């Protein structure tokens, strides 16, 4: 894809779509279970879930922080995955170009 306008459009669709699916614009309680199952495959879900948990956090101990640490580890895993995918795509582009 060499057309930057098309790339920007694709990025907007993906980011807004994941935001709707993961509860950024609509509270997670209102989303159907089928949508939340799909949302578990996206990093935005874990970010929003962590923010919601932080909002209601009253005590700081290992038991209350464990879900937050788990969500952060999952987000870190997504970041590593995206870095690896970016490196693979960049290497292929260099070979072609």
Protein backbone atom coordinates (compact mmCIF):
# COMPACT_ATOMS: atom_id res chain seq x y z
CA UNK A 1 0.00 0.00 0.00
CA UNK A 2 1.58 3.21 -1.13
CA UNK A 3 -1.48 5.43 -0.76
CA UNK A 4 -1.17 7.19 2.61
CA UNK A 5 -4.84 8.23 2.53
CA UNK A 6 -5.93 4.60 2.31
CA UNK A 7 -3.61 3.64 5.15
CA UNK A 8 -4.98 6.44 7.34
CA UNK A 9 -8.54 5.31 6.58
CA UNK A 10 -7.73 1.71 7.49
CA UNK A 11 -6.08 2.80 10.74
CA UNK A 12 -9.13 4.91 11.66
CA UNK A 13 -11.53 2.04 10.98
CA UNK A 14 -9.46 -0.40 13.04
CA UNK A 15 -8.92 1.94 15.98
CA UNK A 16 -12.52 3.16 16.16
CA UNK A 17 -13.85 -0.36 15.64
CA UNK A 18 -11.76 -1.74 18.47
CA UNK A 19 -12.80 1.17 20.69
CA UNK A 20 -16.48 0.42 20.11
CA UNK A 21 -16.00 -3.32 20.61
CA UNK A 22 -13.99 -2.91 23.82
CA UNK A 23 -16.16 -0.43 25.68
CA UNK A 24 -14.45 2.90 25.17
CA UNK A 25 -17.62 4.62 23.94
CA UNK A 26 -20.22 2.32 25.48
CA UNK A 27 -19.85 0.87 29.00
CA UNK A 28 -18.77 -2.78 29.02
CA UNK A 29 -21.86 -3.71 31.07
CA UNK A 30 -24.07 -2.77 28.12
CA UNK A 31 -22.17 -4.85 25.57
CA UNK A 32 -23.42 -8.35 24.72
CA UNK A 33 -21.33 -11.35 25.76
CA UNK A 34 -20.55 -12.19 22.13
CA UNK A 35 -19.00 -8.75 21.61
CA UNK A 36 -16.97 -9.04 24.82
CA UNK A 37 -15.62 -12.42 23.67
CA UNK A 38 -14.32 -10.73 20.52
CA UNK A 39 -13.00 -7.82 22.60
CA UNK A 40 -10.76 -10.18 24.60
CA UNK A 41 -8.63 -10.55 21.44
CA UNK A 42 -7.85 -6.81 21.36
CA UNK A 43 -5.41 -4.84 23.54
CA UNK A 44 -7.90 -2.00 23.98
CA UNK A 45 -10.11 -4.28 26.10
CA UNK A 46 -7.35 -4.80 28.66
CA UNK A 47 -6.52 -1.09 28.77
CA UNK A 48 -10.14 -0.11 29.41
CA UNK A 49 -10.61 -2.96 31.88
CA UNK A 50 -7.56 -1.79 33.83
CA UNK A 51 -8.85 1.78 33.91
CA UNK A 52 -12.25 0.62 35.18
CA UNK A 53 -10.61 -1.50 37.87
CA UNK A 54 -8.40 1.41 38.96
CA UNK A 55 -11.45 3.61 39.29
CA UNK A 56 -12.96 1.32 41.93
CA UNK A 57 -9.74 0.27 43.68
CA UNK A 58 -9.87 0.97 47.41
CA UNK A 59 -6.99 -1.11 48.80
CA UNK A 60 -3.49 -1.67 47.48
CA UNK A 61 -2.46 -5.24 48.14
CA UNK A 62 -1.44 -8.19 46.00
CA UNK A 63 -4.95 -9.62 45.83
CA UNK A 64 -6.52 -6.40 44.51
CA UNK A 65 -3.59 -5.58 42.20
CA UNK A 66 -3.31 -9.05 40.66
CA UNK A 67 -5.95 -8.44 37.92
CA UNK A 68 -4.28 -5.14 37.07
CA UNK A 69 -0.86 -6.75 36.81
CA UNK A 70 -2.32 -9.50 34.63
CA UNK A 71 -3.91 -6.94 32.29
CA UNK A 72 -0.66 -5.00 32.07
CA UNK A 73 1.27 -8.19 31.27
CA UNK A 74 -1.20 -8.98 28.49
CA UNK A 75 -0.80 -5.45 27.09
CA UNK A 76 2.97 -5.86 27.22
CA UNK A 77 2.57 -9.13 25.31
CA UNK A 78 0.55 -7.34 22.63
CA UNK A 79 3.26 -4.66 22.41
CA UNK A 80 5.96 -7.31 21.92
CA UNK A 81 3.82 -9.02 19.28
CA UNK A 82 3.30 -5.75 17.39
CA UNK A 83 7.03 -4.94 17.53
CA UNK A 84 7.87 -8.38 16.13
CA UNK A 85 5.26 -8.02 13.35
CA UNK A 86 6.57 -4.55 12.50
CA UNK A 87 10.12 -5.87 12.23
CA UNK A 88 9.01 -8.73 9.96
CA UNK A 89 7.07 -6.40 7.66
CA UNK A 90 9.97 -3.91 7.56
CA UNK A 91 12.45 -6.62 6.60
CA UNK A 92 10.19 -7.87 3.82
CA UNK A 93 9.72 -4.34 2.48
CA UNK A 94 13.50 -3.83 2.42
CA UNK A 95 13.96 -7.05 0.47
CA UNK A 96 11.29 -6.08 -2.07
CA UNK A 97 12.28 -2.41 -2.40
